[in-house]
N, C-alpha and C. Protein backbone atom coordinates (compact mmCIF):
# COMPACT_ATOMS: atom_id res chain seq x y z
N MET A 1 29.47 2.43 -124.82
CA MET A 1 29.01 2.90 -123.74
C MET A 1 30.38 4.29 -123.79
N PHE A 2 31.24 3.74 -123.98
CA PHE A 2 32.26 4.68 -124.36
C PHE A 2 32.38 5.77 -124.98
N ALA A 3 31.82 4.87 -126.73
CA ALA A 3 31.78 6.05 -127.40
C ALA A 3 30.56 7.03 -127.23
N ILE A 4 29.24 7.36 -126.48
CA ILE A 4 28.74 8.15 -125.91
C ILE A 4 29.35 9.18 -125.34
N LEU A 5 30.21 8.22 -124.29
CA LEU A 5 30.77 9.94 -123.52
C LEU A 5 31.91 10.30 -123.62
N ASN A 6 32.50 9.95 -124.69
CA ASN A 6 33.30 9.64 -125.46
C ASN A 6 33.13 11.30 -125.83
N LYS A 7 32.07 11.01 -126.86
CA LYS A 7 31.07 12.06 -128.00
C LYS A 7 30.89 13.36 -126.91
N TYR A 8 30.04 12.85 -125.82
CA TYR A 8 29.01 14.08 -125.35
C TYR A 8 29.39 14.29 -123.95
N GLY A 9 30.36 13.42 -123.12
CA GLY A 9 30.85 14.18 -121.99
C GLY A 9 31.78 14.73 -121.81
N ASN A 10 31.85 15.53 -120.61
CA ASN A 10 32.60 16.13 -120.29
C ASN A 10 34.01 16.04 -119.28
N GLN A 11 34.89 15.45 -119.11
CA GLN A 11 35.73 14.83 -118.60
C GLN A 11 35.82 16.32 -117.04
N GLU A 12 36.03 17.10 -116.91
CA GLU A 12 36.19 18.09 -116.37
C GLU A 12 35.05 18.33 -115.79
N ASN A 13 34.02 18.60 -116.38
CA ASN A 13 32.84 18.57 -115.14
C ASN A 13 32.70 17.59 -114.48
N ALA A 14 32.66 16.58 -115.42
CA ALA A 14 32.38 15.43 -114.49
C ALA A 14 33.25 15.50 -113.20
N ILE A 15 34.61 15.42 -112.93
CA ILE A 15 35.22 15.92 -111.54
C ILE A 15 34.67 16.34 -110.76
N LYS A 16 34.63 17.93 -111.35
CA LYS A 16 33.93 18.65 -110.53
C LYS A 16 32.69 18.41 -109.89
N ASN A 17 31.53 17.54 -110.42
CA ASN A 17 30.23 17.72 -109.90
C ASN A 17 30.85 16.95 -108.95
N ALA A 18 31.72 15.80 -109.39
CA ALA A 18 31.79 14.88 -108.26
C ALA A 18 32.36 15.29 -106.94
N GLU A 19 33.45 16.18 -107.16
CA GLU A 19 33.82 16.88 -105.98
C GLU A 19 33.13 17.52 -105.32
N LYS A 20 31.96 18.37 -106.11
CA LYS A 20 31.48 19.18 -105.49
C LYS A 20 30.28 18.26 -104.71
N LEU A 21 29.96 16.79 -105.08
CA LEU A 21 29.23 15.87 -104.33
C LEU A 21 29.82 15.41 -103.05
N GLU A 22 30.75 15.43 -103.45
CA GLU A 22 31.50 14.52 -101.83
C GLU A 22 32.30 15.31 -100.53
N GLY A 23 31.77 16.65 -101.33
CA GLY A 23 31.49 18.00 -100.19
C GLY A 23 30.27 18.29 -99.42
N LEU A 24 29.38 17.47 -100.02
CA LEU A 24 27.83 17.10 -99.18
C LEU A 24 27.95 16.58 -97.96
N TYR A 25 28.67 15.46 -98.08
CA TYR A 25 29.34 14.63 -97.21
C TYR A 25 30.15 14.77 -96.20
N PHE A 26 29.80 14.73 -94.33
CA PHE A 26 30.98 15.14 -93.81
C PHE A 26 30.97 13.82 -92.95
N ASP A 27 30.26 13.57 -92.58
CA ASP A 27 30.27 12.29 -92.20
C ASP A 27 31.27 10.59 -92.05
N ARG A 28 31.04 9.97 -91.47
CA ARG A 28 32.02 8.83 -91.95
C ARG A 28 31.39 7.77 -91.94
N SER A 29 30.30 8.00 -91.60
CA SER A 29 29.51 6.63 -92.47
C SER A 29 29.10 6.36 -93.74
N PHE A 30 29.67 6.15 -94.20
CA PHE A 30 30.31 6.08 -96.05
C PHE A 30 29.28 5.24 -96.56
N SER A 31 28.62 4.31 -96.10
CA SER A 31 26.58 3.84 -96.63
C SER A 31 25.83 4.83 -96.93
N ASN A 32 26.14 5.73 -95.90
CA ASN A 32 25.23 6.84 -96.44
C ASN A 32 25.49 8.10 -97.22
N HIS A 33 26.71 7.92 -98.17
CA HIS A 33 27.23 8.73 -99.09
C HIS A 33 26.73 8.43 -100.33
N ASN A 34 25.64 8.05 -100.63
CA ASN A 34 24.55 7.79 -102.02
C ASN A 34 24.06 8.73 -102.43
N PRO A 35 24.19 9.34 -104.02
CA PRO A 35 25.98 8.71 -104.46
C PRO A 35 26.35 9.13 -104.60
N CYS A 36 28.08 8.40 -104.22
CA CYS A 36 28.78 9.25 -103.49
C CYS A 36 30.36 8.52 -103.77
N ALA A 37 31.35 9.00 -105.15
CA ALA A 37 32.40 7.19 -105.39
C ALA A 37 33.10 8.46 -105.09
N LYS A 38 34.75 7.86 -104.93
CA LYS A 38 35.75 8.54 -105.12
C LYS A 38 36.60 8.71 -106.59
N VAL A 39 35.68 8.05 -107.07
CA VAL A 39 36.57 7.69 -108.58
C VAL A 39 37.01 8.70 -109.38
N HIS A 40 36.56 9.89 -108.99
CA HIS A 40 37.29 10.85 -109.52
C HIS A 40 39.10 11.47 -108.90
N LYS A 41 39.18 11.05 -107.67
CA LYS A 41 40.64 10.94 -107.36
C LYS A 41 41.07 9.88 -107.74
N LEU A 42 40.79 9.08 -108.36
CA LEU A 42 41.83 7.59 -109.08
C LEU A 42 41.69 8.31 -110.41
N ILE A 43 40.84 9.30 -111.40
CA ILE A 43 40.98 9.29 -112.47
C ILE A 43 41.63 10.55 -112.40
N ASN A 44 41.80 11.99 -111.38
CA ASN A 44 43.08 13.06 -111.14
C ASN A 44 44.49 12.49 -111.26
N GLU A 45 44.44 10.95 -110.55
CA GLU A 45 45.84 10.94 -110.53
C GLU A 45 46.75 10.25 -111.86
N LEU A 46 45.96 9.40 -112.44
CA LEU A 46 45.56 9.02 -113.69
C LEU A 46 45.91 9.64 -114.61
N ILE A 47 45.63 11.01 -114.43
CA ILE A 47 46.11 12.23 -115.65
C ILE A 47 46.92 12.42 -115.04
N GLU A 48 47.46 12.85 -113.52
CA GLU A 48 48.51 13.28 -113.68
C GLU A 48 49.92 12.72 -113.81
N LEU A 49 49.81 11.13 -113.71
CA LEU A 49 50.51 10.40 -114.44
C LEU A 49 50.70 10.32 -115.88
N THR A 50 49.56 10.44 -116.26
CA THR A 50 49.47 10.79 -118.16
C THR A 50 50.28 11.14 -118.65
N GLU A 51 50.04 13.07 -118.11
CA GLU A 51 50.75 14.64 -117.95
C GLU A 51 52.23 13.90 -117.49
N LYS A 52 52.93 13.84 -116.51
CA LYS A 52 54.28 13.30 -116.36
C LYS A 52 54.92 12.73 -117.33
N TYR A 53 54.28 11.56 -117.86
CA TYR A 53 54.83 10.23 -118.53
C TYR A 53 55.13 10.91 -120.00
N ALA A 54 54.39 11.55 -121.07
CA ALA A 54 54.49 12.56 -121.61
C ALA A 54 55.02 13.75 -121.72
N ALA A 55 54.98 13.99 -120.60
CA ALA A 55 56.43 14.92 -120.49
C ALA A 55 57.83 14.23 -120.72
N GLN A 56 57.97 13.26 -119.90
CA GLN A 56 59.27 12.64 -119.81
C GLN A 56 59.65 12.27 -121.63
N GLN A 57 58.53 11.77 -122.48
CA GLN A 57 58.73 11.40 -123.48
C GLN A 57 58.98 12.25 -124.43
N GLN A 58 58.66 13.74 -124.18
CA GLN A 58 59.15 14.81 -125.48
C GLN A 58 60.67 15.44 -124.62
N VAL A 59 61.17 14.49 -123.91
CA VAL A 59 62.56 14.81 -123.51
C VAL A 59 63.64 14.64 -124.66
């Protein structure tokens, strides 16, 4: 699965789509937010940490 996603997937588009989907739900009843996950927030945080770590290694 990873190999297919890595070859044909697009991380930027996936994050944009997830953010757009998240914007459709305004209520606090999270059980009704289907399909909607907040994994993109974790991915964005990991990207930032990876970039920060890479920048520190270049110094």
